[in-house]
């Protein structure tokens, strides 16, 4: 049993949260380095025309992904914790489909346009 001096002030949940945050930070760093390496390789291995086409297509995909999300990530981060904090689990369960349906429809339309 930990003594008061060795026990962490936030308990096991805070330790788990910190560990998850550290893993997210490492993952973001690895993704950044890999993205930089990809840009370097494409720019040096292919002609300007091919590299430009690749980067333009990548940019279009990222823009379409952001637009098709419709900001639901921010909305869910706002409303789900609020409903759960107020103890309204029914409202929390209704929130997810309300966010999911428009995004799924927009993504399907975007997929059809690209096909």
PDB file of N, CA and C in Angstrom:
ATOM      1  N   UNK A   1       0.846  -1.172   0.000  1.00  0.00           N
ATOM      2  CA  UNK A   1       0.000   0.000   0.000  1.00  0.00           C
ATOM      3  C   UNK A   1       0.893   1.237   0.000  1.00  0.00           C
ATOM      4  N   UNK A   2       0.625   2.189  -0.934  1.00  0.00           N
ATOM      5  CA  UNK A   2       1.489   3.357  -1.003  1.00  0.00           C
ATOM      6  C   UNK A   2       1.299   4.260   0.214  1.00  0.00           C
ATOM      7  N   UNK A   3       2.384   4.835   0.622  1.00  0.00           N
ATOM      8  CA  UNK A   3       2.314   5.788   1.731  1.00  0.00           C
ATOM      9  C   UNK A   3       1.868   7.135   1.189  1.00  0.00           C
ATOM     10  N   UNK A   4       1.404   8.034   2.045  1.00  0.00           N
ATOM     11  CA  UNK A   4       0.961   9.340   1.556  1.00  0.00           C
ATOM     12  C   UNK A   4       2.046  10.090   0.792  1.00  0.00           C
ATOM     13  N   UNK A   5       3.317   9.840   1.103  1.00  0.00           N
ATOM     14  CA  UNK A   5       4.388  10.534   0.398  1.00  0.00           C
ATOM     15  C   UNK A   5       4.571  10.009  -1.023  1.00  0.00           C
ATOM     16  N   UNK A   6       4.315   8.701  -1.255  1.00  0.00           N
ATOM     17  CA  UNK A   6       4.555   8.112  -2.570  1.00  0.00           C
ATOM     18  C   UNK A   6       3.302   8.043  -3.427  1.00  0.00           C
ATOM     19  N   UNK A   7       2.143   8.201  -2.832  1.00  0.00           N
ATOM     20  CA  UNK A   7       0.908   8.137  -3.610  1.00  0.00           C
ATOM     21  C   UNK A   7       0.816   9.366  -4.514  1.00  0.00           C
ATOM     22  N   UNK A   8       0.369   9.149  -5.749  1.00  0.00           N
ATOM     23  CA  UNK A   8       0.240  10.290  -6.653  1.00  0.00           C
ATOM     24  C   UNK A   8      -1.000  11.088  -6.259  1.00  0.00           C
ATOM     25  N   UNK A   9      -0.943  12.420  -6.350  1.00  0.00           N
ATOM     26  CA  UNK A   9      -2.052  13.241  -5.890  1.00  0.00           C
ATOM     27  C   UNK A   9      -3.335  13.033  -6.689  1.00  0.00           C
ATOM     28  N   UNK A  10      -3.231  12.680  -7.958  1.00  0.00           N
ATOM     29  CA  UNK A  10      -4.425  12.514  -8.777  1.00  0.00           C
ATOM     30  C   UNK A  10      -4.942  11.094  -8.812  1.00  0.00           C
ATOM     31  N   UNK A  11      -4.203  10.172  -8.283  1.00  0.00           N
ATOM     32  CA  UNK A  11      -4.626   8.783  -8.289  1.00  0.00           C
ATOM     33  C   UNK A  11      -4.353   8.109  -9.617  1.00  0.00           C
ATOM     34  N   UNK A  12      -4.882   6.896  -9.760  1.00  0.00           N
ATOM     35  CA  UNK A  12      -4.587   6.109 -10.968  1.00  0.00           C
ATOM     36  C   UNK A  12      -5.180   6.722 -12.235  1.00  0.00           C
ATOM     37  N   UNK A  13      -6.300   7.437 -12.115  1.00  0.00           N
ATOM     38  CA  UNK A  13      -6.889   8.036 -13.315  1.00  0.00           C
ATOM     39  C   UNK A  13      -5.989   9.112 -13.903  1.00  0.00           C
ATOM     40  N   UNK A  14      -5.376   9.912 -13.043  1.00  0.00           N
ATOM     41  CA  UNK A  14      -4.475  10.953 -13.531  1.00  0.00           C
ATOM     42  C   UNK A  14      -3.236  10.332 -14.171  1.00  0.00           C
ATOM     43  N   UNK A  15      -2.735   9.254 -13.593  1.00  0.00           N
ATOM     44  CA  UNK A  15      -1.583   8.564 -14.187  1.00  0.00           C
ATOM     45  C   UNK A  15      -1.932   8.015 -15.562  1.00  0.00           C
ATOM     46  N   UNK A  16      -3.108   7.426 -15.688  1.00  0.00           N
ATOM     47  CA  UNK A  16      -3.544   6.882 -16.970  1.00  0.00           C
ATOM     48  C   UNK A  16      -3.723   7.997 -18.001  1.00  0.00           C
ATOM     49  N   UNK A  17      -4.278   9.121 -17.560  1.00  0.00           N
ATOM     50  CA  UNK A  17      -4.460  10.260 -18.449  1.00  0.00           C
ATOM     51  C   UNK A  17      -3.112  10.798 -18.932  1.00  0.00           C
ATOM     52  N   UNK A  18      -2.157  10.915 -18.022  1.00  0.00           N
ATOM     53  CA  UNK A  18      -0.826  11.399 -18.390  1.00  0.00           C
ATOM     54  C   UNK A  18      -0.141  10.434 -19.351  1.00  0.00           C
ATOM     55  N   UNK A  19      -0.287   9.138 -19.116  1.00  0.00           N
ATOM     56  CA  UNK A  19       0.327   8.142 -19.993  1.00  0.00           C
ATOM     57  C   UNK A  19      -0.292   8.235 -21.394  1.00  0.00           C
ATOM     58  N   UNK A  20      -1.610   8.378 -21.458  1.00  0.00           N
ATOM     59  CA  UNK A  20      -2.275   8.516 -22.752  1.00  0.00           C
ATOM     60  C   UNK A  20      -1.858   9.784 -23.474  1.00  0.00           C
ATOM     61  N   UNK A  21      -1.710  10.878 -22.724  1.00  0.00           N
ATOM     62  CA  UNK A  21      -1.255  12.124 -23.333  1.00  0.00           C
ATOM     63  C   UNK A  21       0.152  12.011 -23.874  1.00  0.00           C
ATOM     64  N   UNK A  22       1.011  11.329 -23.142  1.00  0.00           N
ATOM     65  CA  UNK A  22       2.389  11.134 -23.601  1.00  0.00           C
ATOM     66  C   UNK A  22       2.417  10.281 -24.866  1.00  0.00           C
ATOM     67  N   UNK A  23       1.588   9.250 -24.919  1.00  0.00           N
ATOM     68  CA  UNK A  23       1.525   8.412 -26.123  1.00  0.00           C
ATOM     69  C   UNK A  23       1.004   9.214 -27.312  1.00  0.00           C
ATOM     70  N   UNK A  24       0.010  10.074 -27.081  1.00  0.00           N
ATOM     71  CA  UNK A  24      -0.492  10.926 -28.161  1.00  0.00           C
ATOM     72  C   UNK A  24       0.589  11.876 -28.662  1.00  0.00           C
ATOM     73  N   UNK A  25       1.372  12.417 -27.753  1.00  0.00           N
ATOM     74  CA  UNK A  25       2.458  13.318 -28.134  1.00  0.00           C
ATOM     75  C   UNK A  25       3.502  12.587 -28.977  1.00  0.00           C
ATOM     76  N   UNK A  26       3.870  11.389 -28.565  1.00  0.00           N
ATOM     77  CA  UNK A  26       4.840  10.598 -29.330  1.00  0.00           C
ATOM     78  C   UNK A  26       4.264  10.257 -30.707  1.00  0.00           C
ATOM     79  N   UNK A  27       3.000   9.872 -30.746  1.00  0.00           N
ATOM     80  CA  UNK A  27       2.366   9.557 -32.026  1.00  0.00           C
ATOM     81  C   UNK A  27       2.330  10.753 -32.961  1.00  0.00           C
ATOM     82  N   UNK A  28       2.027  11.931 -32.428  1.00  0.00           N
ATOM     83  CA  UNK A  28       2.011  13.144 -33.250  1.00  0.00           C
ATOM     84  C   UNK A  28       3.410  13.471 -33.763  1.00  0.00           C
ATOM     85  N   UNK A  29       4.412  13.284 -32.931  1.00  0.00           N
ATOM     86  CA  UNK A  29       5.792  13.547 -33.357  1.00  0.00           C
ATOM     87  C   UNK A  29       6.208  12.585 -34.468  1.00  0.00           C
ATOM     88  N   UNK A  30       5.878  11.311 -34.316  1.00  0.00           N
ATOM     89  CA  UNK A  30       6.215  10.319 -35.346  1.00  0.00           C
ATOM     90  C   UNK A  30       5.496  10.649 -36.650  1.00  0.00           C
ATOM     91  N   UNK A  31       4.218  11.018 -36.563  1.00  0.00           N
ATOM     92  CA  UNK A  31       3.465  11.371 -37.767  1.00  0.00           C
ATOM     93  C   UNK A  31       4.068  12.595 -38.448  1.00  0.00           C
ATOM     94  N   UNK A  32       4.503  13.574 -37.671  1.00  0.00           N
ATOM     95  CA  UNK A  32       5.129  14.757 -38.248  1.00  0.00           C
ATOM     96  C   UNK A  32       6.424  14.441 -38.960  1.00  0.00           C
ATOM     97  N   UNK A  33       7.250  13.619 -38.349  1.00  0.00           N
ATOM     98  CA  UNK A  33       8.526  13.235 -38.970  1.00  0.00           C
ATOM     99  C   UNK A  33       8.268  12.431 -40.241  1.00  0.00           C
ATOM    100  N   UNK A  34       7.300  11.527 -40.204  1.00  0.00           N
ATOM    101  CA  UNK A  34       6.992  10.739 -41.398  1.00  0.00           C
ATOM    102  C   UNK A  34       6.433  11.613 -42.518  1.00  0.00           C
ATOM    103  N   UNK A  35       5.611  12.593 -42.160  1.00  0.00           N
ATOM    104  CA  UNK A  35       5.088  13.514 -43.167  1.00  0.00           C
ATOM    105  C   UNK A  35       6.198  14.319 -43.818  1.00  0.00           C
ATOM    106  N   UNK A  36       7.126  14.799 -43.012  1.00  0.00           N
ATOM    107  CA  UNK A  36       8.265  15.544 -43.540  1.00  0.00           C
ATOM    108  C   UNK A  36       9.125  14.656 -44.440  1.00  0.00           C
ATOM    109  N   UNK A  37       9.330  13.420 -44.035  1.00  0.00           N
ATOM    110  CA  UNK A  37      10.109  12.487 -44.852  1.00  0.00           C
ATOM    111  C   UNK A  37       9.410  12.214 -46.181  1.00  0.00           C
ATOM    112  N   UNK A  38       8.084  12.079 -46.157  1.00  0.00           N
ATOM    113  CA  UNK A  38       7.337  11.844 -47.391  1.00  0.00           C
ATOM    114  C   UNK A  38       7.476  13.028 -48.339  1.00  0.00           C
ATOM    115  N   UNK A  39       7.339  14.240 -47.819  1.00  0.00           N
ATOM    116  CA  UNK A  39       7.497  15.437 -48.651  1.00  0.00           C
ATOM    117  C   UNK A  39       8.898  15.470 -49.258  1.00  0.00           C
ATOM    118  N   UNK A  40       9.899  15.204 -48.459  1.00  0.00           N
ATOM    119  CA  UNK A  40      11.277  15.206 -48.943  1.00  0.00           C
ATOM    120  C   UNK A  40      11.463  14.174 -50.055  1.00  0.00           C
ATOM    121  N   UNK A  41      10.981  12.957 -49.830  1.00  0.00           N
ATOM    122  CA  UNK A  41      11.159  11.898 -50.827  1.00  0.00           C
ATOM    123  C   UNK A  41      10.423  12.201 -52.123  1.00  0.00           C
ATOM    124  N   UNK A  42       9.173  12.637 -52.020  1.00  0.00           N
ATOM    125  CA  UNK A  42       8.409  12.930 -53.237  1.00  0.00           C
ATOM    126  C   UNK A  42       9.056  14.078 -54.005  1.00  0.00           C
ATOM    127  N   UNK A  43       9.484  15.112 -53.286  1.00  0.00           N
ATOM    128  CA  UNK A  43      10.085  16.268 -53.959  1.00  0.00           C
ATOM    129  C   UNK A  43      11.412  15.924 -54.632  1.00  0.00           C
ATOM    130  N   UNK A  44      12.136  14.963 -54.096  1.00  0.00           N
ATOM    131  CA  UNK A  44      13.450  14.644 -54.659  1.00  0.00           C
ATOM    132  C   UNK A  44      13.438  13.469 -55.637  1.00  0.00           C
ATOM    133  N   UNK A  45      12.452  12.601 -55.552  1.00  0.00           N
ATOM    134  CA  UNK A  45      12.435  11.421 -56.420  1.00  0.00           C
ATOM    135  C   UNK A  45      11.601  11.599 -57.685  1.00  0.00           C
ATOM    136  N   UNK A  46      10.700  12.580 -57.698  1.00  0.00           N
ATOM    137  CA  UNK A  46       9.795  12.743 -58.838  1.00  0.00           C
ATOM    138  C   UNK A  46       9.967  14.124 -59.455  1.00  0.00           C
ATOM    139  N   UNK A  47       9.472  14.256 -60.678  1.00  0.00           N
ATOM    140  CA  UNK A  47       9.547  15.550 -61.361  1.00  0.00           C
ATOM    141  C   UNK A  47       8.638  16.559 -60.655  1.00  0.00           C
ATOM    142  N   UNK A  48       8.840  17.836 -60.995  1.00  0.00           N
ATOM    143  CA  UNK A  48       8.009  18.876 -60.388  1.00  0.00           C
ATOM    144  C   UNK A  48       6.538  18.660 -60.704  1.00  0.00           C
ATOM    145  N   UNK A  49       6.257  18.238 -61.917  1.00  0.00           N
ATOM    146  CA  UNK A  49       4.862  18.041 -62.327  1.00  0.00           C
ATOM    147  C   UNK A  49       4.207  16.925 -61.518  1.00  0.00           C
ATOM    148  N   UNK A  50       4.873  15.798 -61.381  1.00  0.00           N
ATOM    149  CA  UNK A  50       4.317  14.665 -60.634  1.00  0.00           C
ATOM    150  C   UNK A  50       4.198  15.011 -59.153  1.00  0.00           C
ATOM    151  N   UNK A  51       5.227  15.627 -58.599  1.00  0.00           N
ATOM    152  CA  UNK A  51       5.189  16.002 -57.184  1.00  0.00           C
ATOM    153  C   UNK A  51       4.085  17.024 -56.931  1.00  0.00           C
ATOM    154  N   UNK A  52       3.946  18.000 -57.819  1.00  0.00           N
ATOM    155  CA  UNK A  52       2.890  19.002 -57.673  1.00  0.00           C
ATOM    156  C   UNK A  52       1.510  18.385 -57.735  1.00  0.00           C
ATOM    157  N   UNK A  53       1.320  17.442 -58.655  1.00  0.00           N
ATOM    158  CA  UNK A  53       0.036  16.745 -58.755  1.00  0.00           C
ATOM    159  C   UNK A  53      -0.247  15.949 -57.490  1.00  0.00           C
ATOM    160  N   UNK A  54       0.765  15.288 -56.977  1.00  0.00           N
ATOM    161  CA  UNK A  54       0.606  14.517 -55.740  1.00  0.00           C
ATOM    162  C   UNK A  54       0.209  15.423 -54.578  1.00  0.00           C
ATOM    163  N   UNK A  55       0.905  16.550 -54.418  1.00  0.00           N
ATOM    164  CA  UNK A  55       0.613  17.449 -53.307  1.00  0.00           C
ATOM    165  C   UNK A  55      -0.751  18.118 -53.471  1.00  0.00           C
ATOM    166  N   UNK A  56      -1.141  18.432 -54.707  1.00  0.00           N
ATOM    167  CA  UNK A  56      -2.461  19.021 -54.940  1.00  0.00           C
ATOM    168  C   UNK A  56      -3.565  18.020 -54.601  1.00  0.00           C
ATOM    169  N   UNK A  57      -3.385  16.768 -55.002  1.00  0.00           N
ATOM    170  CA  UNK A  57      -4.382  15.739 -54.687  1.00  0.00           C
ATOM    171  C   UNK A  57      -4.468  15.507 -53.183  1.00  0.00           C
ATOM    172  N   UNK A  58      -3.324  15.499 -52.520  1.00  0.00           N
ATOM    173  CA  UNK A  58      -3.312  15.335 -51.067  1.00  0.00           C
ATOM    174  C   UNK A  58      -4.026  16.494 -50.388  1.00  0.00           C
ATOM    175  N   UNK A  59      -3.774  17.709 -50.852  1.00  0.00           N
ATOM    176  CA  UNK A  59      -4.429  18.888 -50.277  1.00  0.00           C
ATOM    177  C   UNK A  59      -5.932  18.842 -50.492  1.00  0.00           C
ATOM    178  N   UNK A  60      -6.360  18.445 -51.686  1.00  0.00           N
ATOM    179  CA  UNK A  60      -7.795  18.336 -51.961  1.00  0.00           C
ATOM    180  C   UNK A  60      -8.444  17.324 -51.028  1.00  0.00           C
ATOM    181  N   UNK A  61      -7.800  16.194 -50.829  1.00  0.00           N
ATOM    182  CA  UNK A  61      -8.338  15.170 -49.935  1.00  0.00           C
ATOM    183  C   UNK A  61      -8.472  15.705 -48.514  1.00  0.00           C
ATOM    184  N   UNK A  62      -7.472  16.421 -48.023  1.00  0.00           N
ATOM    185  CA  UNK A  62      -7.509  16.953 -46.659  1.00  0.00           C
ATOM    186  C   UNK A  62      -8.617  17.993 -46.517  1.00  0.00           C
ATOM    187  N   UNK A  63      -8.783  18.852 -47.530  1.00  0.00           N
ATOM    188  CA  UNK A  63      -9.847  19.858 -47.483  1.00  0.00           C
ATOM    189  C   UNK A  63     -11.210  19.187 -47.488  1.00  0.00           C
ATOM    190  N   UNK A  64     -11.407  18.203 -48.353  1.00  0.00           N
ATOM    191  CA  UNK A  64     -12.694  17.494 -48.397  1.00  0.00           C
ATOM    192  C   UNK A  64     -12.978  16.765 -47.087  1.00  0.00           C
ATOM    193  N   UNK A  65     -11.959  16.208 -46.485  1.00  0.00           N
ATOM    194  CA  UNK A  65     -12.135  15.532 -45.201  1.00  0.00           C
ATOM    195  C   UNK A  65     -12.581  16.520 -44.129  1.00  0.00           C
ATOM    196  N   UNK A  66     -11.968  17.691 -44.097  1.00  0.00           N
ATOM    197  CA  UNK A  66     -12.327  18.701 -43.096  1.00  0.00           C
ATOM    198  C   UNK A  66     -13.746  19.213 -43.317  1.00  0.00           C
ATOM    199  N   UNK A  67     -14.113  19.444 -44.578  1.00  0.00           N
ATOM    200  CA  UNK A  67     -15.454  19.950 -44.878  1.00  0.00           C
ATOM    201  C   UNK A  67     -16.511  18.897 -44.581  1.00  0.00           C
ATOM    202  N   UNK A  68     -16.251  17.649 -44.917  1.00  0.00           N
ATOM    203  CA  UNK A  68     -17.259  16.607 -44.701  1.00  0.00           C
ATOM    204  C   UNK A  68     -17.458  16.293 -43.226  1.00  0.00           C
ATOM    205  N   UNK A  69     -16.514  16.683 -42.367  1.00  0.00           N
ATOM    206  CA  UNK A  69     -16.683  16.478 -40.924  1.00  0.00           C
ATOM    207  C   UNK A  69     -17.695  17.413 -40.309  1.00  0.00           C
ATOM    208  N   UNK A  70     -17.956  18.547 -40.957  1.00  0.00           N
ATOM    209  CA  UNK A  70     -18.965  19.524 -40.533  1.00  0.00           C
ATOM    210  C   UNK A  70     -18.783  20.018 -39.104  1.00  0.00           C
ATOM    211  N   UNK A  71     -17.602  19.906 -38.553  1.00  0.00           N
ATOM    212  CA  UNK A  71     -17.357  20.396 -37.198  1.00  0.00           C
ATOM    213  C   UNK A  71     -17.979  19.558 -36.100  1.00  0.00           C
ATOM    214  N   UNK A  72     -18.360  18.337 -36.431  1.00  0.00           N
ATOM    215  CA  UNK A  72     -19.027  17.513 -35.416  1.00  0.00           C
ATOM    216  C   UNK A  72     -18.090  17.100 -34.292  1.00  0.00           C
ATOM    217  N   UNK A  73     -16.785  17.039 -34.560  1.00  0.00           N
ATOM    218  CA  UNK A  73     -15.865  16.700 -33.473  1.00  0.00           C
ATOM    219  C   UNK A  73     -15.940  17.746 -32.371  1.00  0.00           C
ATOM    220  N   UNK A  74     -15.992  19.017 -32.748  1.00  0.00           N
ATOM    221  CA  UNK A  74     -16.105  20.082 -31.739  1.00  0.00           C
ATOM    222  C   UNK A  74     -17.468  20.033 -31.055  1.00  0.00           C
ATOM    223  N   UNK A  75     -18.509  19.773 -31.824  1.00  0.00           N
ATOM    224  CA  UNK A  75     -19.847  19.696 -31.237  1.00  0.00           C
ATOM    225  C   UNK A  75     -19.986  18.547 -30.254  1.00  0.00           C
ATOM    226  N   UNK A  76     -19.445  17.397 -30.622  1.00  0.00           N
ATOM    227  CA  UNK A  76     -19.516  16.251 -29.713  1.00  0.00           C
ATOM    228  C   UNK A  76     -18.689  16.489 -28.459  1.00  0.00           C
ATOM    229  N   UNK A  77     -17.534  17.136 -28.616  1.00  0.00           N
ATOM    230  CA  UNK A  77     -16.716  17.442 -27.438  1.00  0.00           C
ATOM    231  C   UNK A  77     -17.397  18.451 -26.523  1.00  0.00           C
ATOM    232  N   UNK A  78     -18.305  19.232 -27.062  1.00  0.00           N
ATOM    233  CA  UNK A  78     -19.033  20.202 -26.238  1.00  0.00           C
ATOM    234  C   UNK A  78     -20.237  19.560 -25.562  1.00  0.00           C
ATOM    235  N   UNK A  79     -21.036  18.812 -26.315  1.00  0.00           N
ATOM    236  CA  UNK A  79     -22.327  18.363 -25.807  1.00  0.00           C
ATOM    237  C   UNK A  79     -22.297  17.037 -25.063  1.00  0.00           C
ATOM    238  N   UNK A  80     -21.505  16.073 -25.518  1.00  0.00           N
ATOM    239  CA  UNK A  80     -21.481  14.786 -24.802  1.00  0.00           C
ATOM    240  C   UNK A  80     -21.050  14.931 -23.344  1.00  0.00           C
ATOM    241  N   UNK A  81     -19.939  15.596 -23.050  1.00  0.00           N
ATOM    242  CA  UNK A  81     -19.571  15.748 -21.635  1.00  0.00           C
ATOM    243  C   UNK A  81     -20.613  16.529 -20.836  1.00  0.00           C
ATOM    244  N   UNK A  82     -21.248  17.500 -21.476  1.00  0.00           N
ATOM    245  CA  UNK A  82     -22.268  18.288 -20.772  1.00  0.00           C
ATOM    246  C   UNK A  82     -23.446  17.405 -20.383  1.00  0.00           C
ATOM    247  N   UNK A  83     -23.946  16.629 -21.337  1.00  0.00           N
ATOM    248  CA  UNK A  83     -25.072  15.732 -21.036  1.00  0.00           C
ATOM    249  C   UNK A  83     -24.689  14.727 -19.954  1.00  0.00           C
ATOM    250  N   UNK A  84     -23.492  14.163 -20.064  1.00  0.00           N
ATOM    251  CA  UNK A  84     -23.069  13.171 -19.075  1.00  0.00           C
ATOM    252  C   UNK A  84     -22.852  13.801 -17.703  1.00  0.00           C
ATOM    253  N   UNK A  85     -22.325  15.022 -17.661  1.00  0.00           N
ATOM    254  CA  UNK A  85     -22.116  15.698 -16.378  1.00  0.00           C
ATOM    255  C   UNK A  85     -23.442  16.012 -15.698  1.00  0.00           C
ATOM    256  N   UNK A  86     -24.459  16.291 -16.502  1.00  0.00           N
ATOM    257  CA  UNK A  86     -25.784  16.565 -15.945  1.00  0.00           C
ATOM    258  C   UNK A  86     -26.559  15.285 -15.655  1.00  0.00           C
ATOM    259  N   UNK A  87     -25.978  14.147 -15.996  1.00  0.00           N
ATOM    260  CA  UNK A  87     -26.624  12.865 -15.736  1.00  0.00           C
ATOM    261  C   UNK A  87     -27.707  12.514 -16.740  1.00  0.00           C
ATOM    262  N   UNK A  88     -27.732  13.194 -17.872  1.00  0.00           N
ATOM    263  CA  UNK A  88     -28.762  12.961 -18.887  1.00  0.00           C
ATOM    264  C   UNK A  88     -28.222  12.004 -19.947  1.00  0.00           C
ATOM    265  N   UNK A  89     -28.212  10.723 -19.615  1.00  0.00           N
ATOM    266  CA  UNK A  89     -27.667   9.719 -20.537  1.00  0.00           C
ATOM    267  C   UNK A  89     -28.519   9.574 -21.797  1.00  0.00           C
ATOM    268  N   UNK A  90     -29.809   9.785 -21.691  1.00  0.00           N
ATOM    269  CA  UNK A  90     -30.678   9.680 -22.868  1.00  0.00           C
ATOM    270  C   UNK A  90     -30.309  10.755 -23.895  1.00  0.00           C
ATOM    271  N   UNK A  91     -30.068  11.964 -23.431  1.00  0.00           N
ATOM    272  CA  UNK A  91     -29.668  13.036 -24.350  1.00  0.00           C
ATOM    273  C   UNK A  91     -28.297  12.741 -24.955  1.00  0.00           C
ATOM    274  N   UNK A  92     -27.404  12.168 -24.165  1.00  0.00           N
ATOM    275  CA  UNK A  92     -26.082  11.812 -24.688  1.00  0.00           C
ATOM    276  C   UNK A  92     -26.210  10.755 -25.779  1.00  0.00           C
ATOM    277  N   UNK A  93     -27.099   9.787 -25.587  1.00  0.00           N
ATOM    278  CA  UNK A  93     -27.298   8.750 -26.614  1.00  0.00           C
ATOM    279  C   UNK A  93     -27.923   9.339 -27.879  1.00  0.00           C
ATOM    280  N   UNK A  94     -28.773  10.347 -27.744  1.00  0.00           N
ATOM    281  CA  UNK A  94     -29.388  10.979 -28.917  1.00  0.00           C
ATOM    282  C   UNK A  94     -28.399  11.880 -29.656  1.00  0.00           C
ATOM    283  N   UNK A  95     -27.396  12.373 -28.966  1.00  0.00           N
ATOM    284  CA  UNK A  95     -26.447  13.317 -29.565  1.00  0.00           C
ATOM    285  C   UNK A  95     -25.601  12.660 -30.651  1.00  0.00           C
ATOM    286  N   UNK A  96     -25.201  11.436 -30.445  1.00  0.00           N
ATOM    287  CA  UNK A  96     -24.309  10.775 -31.411  1.00  0.00           C
ATOM    288  C   UNK A  96     -24.983  10.587 -32.770  1.00  0.00           C
ATOM    289  N   UNK A  97     -26.197  10.035 -32.851  1.00  0.00           N
ATOM    290  CA  UNK A  97     -26.820   9.920 -34.177  1.00  0.00           C
ATOM    291  C   UNK A  97     -27.095  11.272 -34.831  1.00  0.00           C
ATOM    292  N   UNK A  98     -27.431  12.274 -34.024  1.00  0.00           N
ATOM    293  CA  UNK A  98     -27.666  13.606 -34.583  1.00  0.00           C
ATOM    294  C   UNK A  98     -26.400  14.121 -35.260  1.00  0.00           C
ATOM    295  N   UNK A  99     -25.250  13.804 -34.708  1.00  0.00           N
ATOM    296  CA  UNK A  99     -23.983  14.219 -35.305  1.00  0.00           C
ATOM    297  C   UNK A  99     -23.572  13.298 -36.447  1.00  0.00           C
ATOM    298  N   UNK A 100     -23.902  12.029 -36.355  1.00  0.00           N
ATOM    299  CA  UNK A 100     -23.422  11.045 -37.322  1.00  0.00           C
ATOM    300  C   UNK A 100     -24.150  11.111 -38.663  1.00  0.00           C
ATOM    301  N   UNK A 101     -25.451  11.316 -38.651  1.00  0.00           N
ATOM    302  CA  UNK A 101     -26.236  11.250 -39.887  1.00  0.00           C
ATOM    303  C   UNK A 101     -25.798  12.302 -40.912  1.00  0.00           C
ATOM    304  N   UNK A 102     -25.688  13.589 -40.553  1.00  0.00           N
ATOM    305  CA  UNK A 102     -25.255  14.554 -41.573  1.00  0.00           C
ATOM    306  C   UNK A 102     -23.841  14.294 -42.095  1.00  0.00           C
ATOM    307  N   UNK A 103     -22.960  13.853 -41.225  1.00  0.00           N
ATOM    308  CA  UNK A 103     -21.584  13.578 -41.653  1.00  0.00           C
ATOM    309  C   UNK A 103     -21.556  12.385 -42.602  1.00  0.00           C
ATOM    310  N   UNK A 104     -22.297  11.344 -42.289  1.00  0.00           N
ATOM    311  CA  UNK A 104     -22.342  10.171 -43.164  1.00  0.00           C
ATOM    312  C   UNK A 104     -22.928  10.536 -44.524  1.00  0.00           C
ATOM    313  N   UNK A 105     -23.975  11.356 -44.525  1.00  0.00           N
ATOM    314  CA  UNK A 105     -24.581  11.772 -45.788  1.00  0.00           C
ATOM    315  C   UNK A 105     -23.610  12.622 -46.608  1.00  0.00           C
ATOM    316  N   UNK A 106     -22.950  13.561 -45.971  1.00  0.00           N
ATOM    317  CA  UNK A 106     -21.987  14.416 -46.669  1.00  0.00           C
ATOM    318  C   UNK A 106     -20.818  13.596 -47.206  1.00  0.00           C
ATOM    319  N   UNK A 107     -20.328  12.657 -46.417  1.00  0.00           N
ATOM    320  CA  UNK A 107     -19.220  11.810 -46.861  1.00  0.00           C
ATOM    321  C   UNK A 107     -19.642  10.933 -48.037  1.00  0.00           C
ATOM    322  N   UNK A 108     -20.861  10.409 -47.996  1.00  0.00           N
ATOM    323  CA  UNK A 108     -21.346   9.579 -49.102  1.00  0.00           C
ATOM    324  C   UNK A 108     -21.471  10.399 -50.382  1.00  0.00           C
ATOM    325  N   UNK A 109     -21.997  11.606 -50.265  1.00  0.00           N
ATOM    326  CA  UNK A 109     -22.113  12.472 -51.442  1.00  0.00           C
ATOM    327  C   UNK A 109     -20.726  12.826 -51.975  1.00  0.00           C
ATOM    328  N   UNK A 110     -19.809  13.139 -51.071  1.00  0.00           N
ATOM    329  CA  UNK A 110     -18.440  13.434 -51.495  1.00  0.00           C
ATOM    330  C   UNK A 110     -17.792  12.251 -52.186  1.00  0.00           C
ATOM    331  N   UNK A 111     -18.045  11.052 -51.678  1.00  0.00           N
ATOM    332  CA  UNK A 111     -17.509   9.853 -52.311  1.00  0.00           C
ATOM    333  C   UNK A 111     -18.078   9.631 -53.698  1.00  0.00           C
ATOM    334  N   UNK A 112     -19.372   9.903 -53.853  1.00  0.00           N
ATOM    335  CA  UNK A 112     -19.990   9.756 -55.172  1.00  0.00           C
ATOM    336  C   UNK A 112     -19.443  10.783 -56.157  1.00  0.00           C
ATOM    337  N   UNK A 113     -19.205  11.998 -55.681  1.00  0.00           N
ATOM    338  CA  UNK A 113     -18.651  13.036 -56.549  1.00  0.00           C
ATOM    339  C   UNK A 113     -17.248  12.654 -57.009  1.00  0.00           C
ATOM    340  N   UNK A 114     -16.456  12.087 -56.109  1.00  0.00           N
ATOM    341  CA  UNK A 114     -15.088  11.707 -56.463  1.00  0.00           C
ATOM    342  C   UNK A 114     -15.021  10.444 -57.316  1.00  0.00           C
ATOM    343  N   UNK A 115     -16.066   9.629 -57.284  1.00  0.00           N
ATOM    344  CA  UNK A 115     -16.039   8.353 -58.013  1.00  0.00           C
ATOM    345  C   UNK A 115     -16.248   8.499 -59.484  1.00  0.00           C
TER     346      UNK A 115
END
